[in-house]
N, C-alpha and C. Protein backbone atom coordinates (compact mmCIF):
# COMPACT_ATOMS: atom_id res chain seq x y z
N ALA A 1 7.66 -3.81 15.15
CA ALA A 1 7.04 -2.63 14.57
C ALA A 1 7.99 -2.04 13.54
N PRO A 2 7.45 -1.57 12.43
CA PRO A 2 8.31 -1.03 11.37
C PRO A 2 8.91 0.32 11.74
N GLU A 3 9.97 0.67 11.05
CA GLU A 3 10.60 1.98 11.21
C GLU A 3 9.70 3.03 10.58
N THR A 4 9.82 4.27 11.01
CA THR A 4 8.99 5.34 10.46
C THR A 4 9.70 6.16 9.40
N SER A 5 10.96 5.87 9.13
CA SER A 5 11.70 6.69 8.17
C SER A 5 11.10 6.60 6.77
N ARG A 6 10.53 5.46 6.42
CA ARG A 6 9.92 5.28 5.10
C ARG A 6 8.48 4.84 5.27
N SER A 7 7.73 5.59 6.04
CA SER A 7 6.36 5.22 6.36
C SER A 7 5.40 6.36 6.05
N PHE A 8 4.15 5.99 5.82
CA PHE A 8 3.12 6.98 5.59
C PHE A 8 2.29 7.22 6.86
N VAL A 9 2.75 6.69 7.99
CA VAL A 9 2.06 6.87 9.27
C VAL A 9 2.22 8.32 9.70
N ALA A 10 1.12 8.95 10.06
CA ALA A 10 1.18 10.34 10.55
C ALA A 10 1.72 10.34 11.96
N LEU A 11 2.69 11.16 12.20
CA LEU A 11 3.31 11.24 13.52
C LEU A 11 3.08 12.61 14.13
N ASP A 12 2.76 12.63 15.41
CA ASP A 12 2.63 13.88 16.16
C ASP A 12 3.84 13.95 17.07
N ARG A 13 4.83 14.70 16.69
CA ARG A 13 6.09 14.76 17.42
C ARG A 13 5.93 15.39 18.81
N ASN A 14 4.80 16.07 19.08
CA ASN A 14 4.60 16.74 20.37
C ASN A 14 4.05 15.80 21.44
N ASP A 15 3.58 14.63 21.07
CA ASP A 15 2.91 13.75 22.03
C ASP A 15 3.42 12.32 21.84
N THR A 16 4.69 12.11 22.09
CA THR A 16 5.30 10.82 21.76
C THR A 16 5.28 9.80 22.87
N GLY A 17 4.98 10.18 24.13
CA GLY A 17 5.08 9.21 25.21
C GLY A 17 3.76 8.83 25.84
N THR A 18 2.64 9.40 25.39
CA THR A 18 1.36 9.14 26.01
C THR A 18 0.83 7.77 25.58
N VAL A 19 0.35 7.00 26.56
CA VAL A 19 -0.21 5.68 26.27
C VAL A 19 -1.66 5.63 26.77
N ASP A 20 -2.44 4.70 26.21
CA ASP A 20 -3.82 4.52 26.66
C ASP A 20 -3.85 3.62 27.88
N LYS A 21 -5.06 3.28 28.35
CA LYS A 21 -5.18 2.51 29.60
C LYS A 21 -4.60 1.10 29.48
N SER A 22 -4.49 0.57 28.26
CA SER A 22 -3.91 -0.77 28.08
C SER A 22 -2.40 -0.74 27.89
N GLY A 23 -1.83 0.46 27.70
CA GLY A 23 -0.39 0.58 27.56
C GLY A 23 0.09 0.81 26.15
N LEU A 24 -0.82 0.89 25.19
CA LEU A 24 -0.42 1.18 23.81
C LEU A 24 -0.30 2.67 23.60
N PRO A 25 0.70 3.10 22.82
CA PRO A 25 0.89 4.54 22.60
C PRO A 25 -0.25 5.13 21.77
N LEU A 26 -0.61 6.36 22.09
CA LEU A 26 -1.65 7.06 21.33
C LEU A 26 -1.11 7.58 20.01
N VAL A 27 0.19 7.80 19.96
CA VAL A 27 0.88 8.22 18.74
C VAL A 27 1.89 7.14 18.42
N TYR A 28 2.05 6.80 17.14
CA TYR A 28 2.95 5.72 16.75
C TYR A 28 4.33 5.89 17.37
N ASN A 29 4.75 4.86 18.08
CA ASN A 29 6.06 4.85 18.70
C ASN A 29 6.55 3.41 18.72
N LYS A 30 7.53 3.13 17.89
CA LYS A 30 8.01 1.77 17.71
C LYS A 30 8.43 1.13 19.03
N GLU A 31 9.19 1.82 19.83
CA GLU A 31 9.70 1.26 21.08
C GLU A 31 8.57 0.94 22.06
N LEU A 32 7.60 1.85 22.19
CA LEU A 32 6.48 1.61 23.11
C LEU A 32 5.62 0.43 22.65
N ILE A 33 5.45 0.29 21.35
CA ILE A 33 4.67 -0.84 20.82
C ILE A 33 5.41 -2.15 21.09
N GLN A 34 6.70 -2.17 20.85
CA GLN A 34 7.48 -3.38 21.13
C GLN A 34 7.46 -3.71 22.62
N ASP A 35 7.57 -2.70 23.47
CA ASP A 35 7.50 -2.94 24.92
C ASP A 35 6.15 -3.52 25.31
N TYR A 36 5.09 -3.00 24.72
CA TYR A 36 3.74 -3.50 25.02
C TYR A 36 3.64 -4.99 24.70
N TRP A 37 4.07 -5.39 23.50
CA TRP A 37 3.94 -6.79 23.11
C TRP A 37 4.89 -7.69 23.89
N LEU A 38 6.03 -7.18 24.33
CA LEU A 38 6.91 -7.97 25.19
C LEU A 38 6.25 -8.25 26.54
N LYS A 39 5.51 -7.28 27.06
CA LYS A 39 4.81 -7.46 28.34
C LYS A 39 3.62 -8.41 28.19
N GLU A 40 3.05 -8.47 27.01
CA GLU A 40 1.87 -9.30 26.78
C GLU A 40 2.21 -10.79 26.65
N GLY A 41 3.48 -11.12 26.56
CA GLY A 41 3.87 -12.53 26.44
C GLY A 41 3.39 -13.15 25.15
N ASN A 42 2.64 -14.22 25.26
CA ASN A 42 2.21 -14.94 24.06
C ASN A 42 0.80 -14.54 23.61
N ALA A 43 0.31 -13.38 24.01
CA ALA A 43 -1.04 -12.94 23.64
C ALA A 43 -1.20 -12.82 22.13
N LEU A 44 -0.18 -12.33 21.44
CA LEU A 44 -0.27 -12.19 19.99
C LEU A 44 -0.39 -13.55 19.33
N GLN A 45 0.39 -14.53 19.78
CA GLN A 45 0.31 -15.88 19.22
C GLN A 45 -1.06 -16.48 19.50
N GLN A 46 -1.63 -16.22 20.66
CA GLN A 46 -2.97 -16.73 20.98
C GLN A 46 -4.02 -16.11 20.07
N ARG A 47 -3.87 -14.84 19.79
CA ARG A 47 -4.83 -14.17 18.89
C ARG A 47 -4.73 -14.73 17.47
N TRP A 48 -3.51 -14.96 17.01
CA TRP A 48 -3.35 -15.56 15.68
C TRP A 48 -3.93 -16.96 15.65
N SER A 49 -3.71 -17.71 16.70
CA SER A 49 -4.25 -19.06 16.78
C SER A 49 -5.77 -19.05 16.71
N GLU A 50 -6.40 -18.14 17.44
CA GLU A 50 -7.86 -18.02 17.42
C GLU A 50 -8.35 -17.62 16.03
N PHE A 51 -7.67 -16.68 15.40
CA PHE A 51 -8.03 -16.25 14.05
C PHE A 51 -7.96 -17.43 13.07
N LEU A 52 -6.87 -18.18 13.12
CA LEU A 52 -6.71 -19.32 12.21
C LEU A 52 -7.73 -20.41 12.49
N LYS A 53 -8.01 -20.65 13.75
CA LYS A 53 -8.98 -21.68 14.13
C LYS A 53 -10.35 -21.37 13.53
N LEU A 54 -10.71 -20.10 13.46
CA LEU A 54 -12.01 -19.70 12.93
C LEU A 54 -12.01 -19.53 11.42
N SER A 55 -10.92 -19.06 10.85
CA SER A 55 -10.93 -18.73 9.43
C SER A 55 -10.56 -19.89 8.50
N VAL A 56 -9.69 -20.80 8.92
CA VAL A 56 -9.25 -21.87 8.04
C VAL A 56 -10.41 -22.77 7.60
N PRO A 57 -11.29 -23.22 8.50
CA PRO A 57 -12.41 -24.04 8.01
C PRO A 57 -13.30 -23.31 7.00
N TYR A 58 -13.56 -22.03 7.26
CA TYR A 58 -14.37 -21.23 6.34
C TYR A 58 -13.70 -21.12 4.97
N LEU A 59 -12.42 -20.77 4.96
CA LEU A 59 -11.71 -20.62 3.69
C LEU A 59 -11.58 -21.95 2.95
N THR A 60 -11.43 -23.03 3.70
CA THR A 60 -11.35 -24.36 3.08
C THR A 60 -12.67 -24.71 2.41
N ARG A 61 -13.79 -24.45 3.08
CA ARG A 61 -15.11 -24.70 2.46
C ARG A 61 -15.28 -23.86 1.21
N MET A 62 -14.90 -22.59 1.29
CA MET A 62 -15.02 -21.72 0.12
C MET A 62 -14.20 -22.26 -1.05
N ALA A 63 -12.98 -22.64 -0.80
CA ALA A 63 -12.11 -23.16 -1.86
C ALA A 63 -12.67 -24.45 -2.43
N THR A 64 -13.21 -25.32 -1.59
CA THR A 64 -13.79 -26.58 -2.05
C THR A 64 -14.95 -26.31 -2.98
N TYR A 65 -15.85 -25.41 -2.61
CA TYR A 65 -16.98 -25.07 -3.47
C TYR A 65 -16.53 -24.46 -4.79
N MET A 66 -15.50 -23.62 -4.74
CA MET A 66 -15.00 -23.01 -5.97
C MET A 66 -14.40 -24.06 -6.91
N VAL A 67 -13.70 -25.03 -6.35
CA VAL A 67 -13.10 -26.08 -7.17
C VAL A 67 -14.18 -26.99 -7.75
N ARG A 68 -15.18 -27.32 -6.95
CA ARG A 68 -16.24 -28.22 -7.39
C ARG A 68 -17.07 -27.64 -8.52
N GLY A 69 -17.48 -26.38 -8.37
CA GLY A 69 -18.39 -25.85 -9.38
C GLY A 69 -18.33 -24.37 -9.59
N GLY A 70 -17.29 -23.75 -9.13
CA GLY A 70 -17.12 -22.32 -9.37
C GLY A 70 -18.10 -21.48 -8.57
N VAL A 71 -18.41 -20.33 -9.11
CA VAL A 71 -19.27 -19.36 -8.44
C VAL A 71 -20.66 -19.93 -8.22
N GLU A 72 -21.16 -20.71 -9.19
CA GLU A 72 -22.50 -21.29 -9.06
C GLU A 72 -22.59 -22.19 -7.82
N GLU A 73 -21.59 -23.03 -7.61
CA GLU A 73 -21.56 -23.90 -6.44
C GLU A 73 -21.46 -23.09 -5.15
N LEU A 74 -20.69 -22.06 -5.20
CA LEU A 74 -20.51 -21.19 -4.03
C LEU A 74 -21.85 -20.51 -3.69
N GLN A 75 -22.55 -20.01 -4.70
CA GLN A 75 -23.85 -19.37 -4.47
C GLN A 75 -24.89 -20.37 -3.98
N LYS A 76 -24.84 -21.57 -4.50
CA LYS A 76 -25.80 -22.62 -4.10
C LYS A 76 -25.61 -22.98 -2.62
N ASN A 77 -24.40 -22.93 -2.13
CA ASN A 77 -24.09 -23.34 -0.76
C ASN A 77 -23.76 -22.18 0.17
N ASP A 78 -24.17 -20.98 -0.20
CA ASP A 78 -23.78 -19.81 0.61
C ASP A 78 -24.35 -19.85 2.03
N ALA A 79 -25.47 -20.50 2.24
CA ALA A 79 -26.04 -20.58 3.58
C ALA A 79 -25.16 -21.42 4.51
N GLN A 80 -24.41 -22.37 3.96
CA GLN A 80 -23.55 -23.23 4.78
C GLN A 80 -22.26 -22.54 5.16
N LEU A 81 -21.95 -21.45 4.49
CA LEU A 81 -20.73 -20.72 4.83
C LEU A 81 -21.01 -19.85 6.03
């Protein structure tokens, strides 16, 4: 988690330790966020893996259509996306 010294994140200094039912802080707190992800183990890597598994084929098809024929090809094949 990034430092807050050079951040535009709004901080409520009066409520720094409260967490929700999953353990994430209700107000930005770097240490609590890091603790949460340490307890979650490899959950973040699994989420990234799932995201990539779903998005890479889609983005590859889009890029292929753009290379083949530009916007016209993309519009012609939009139902397949």
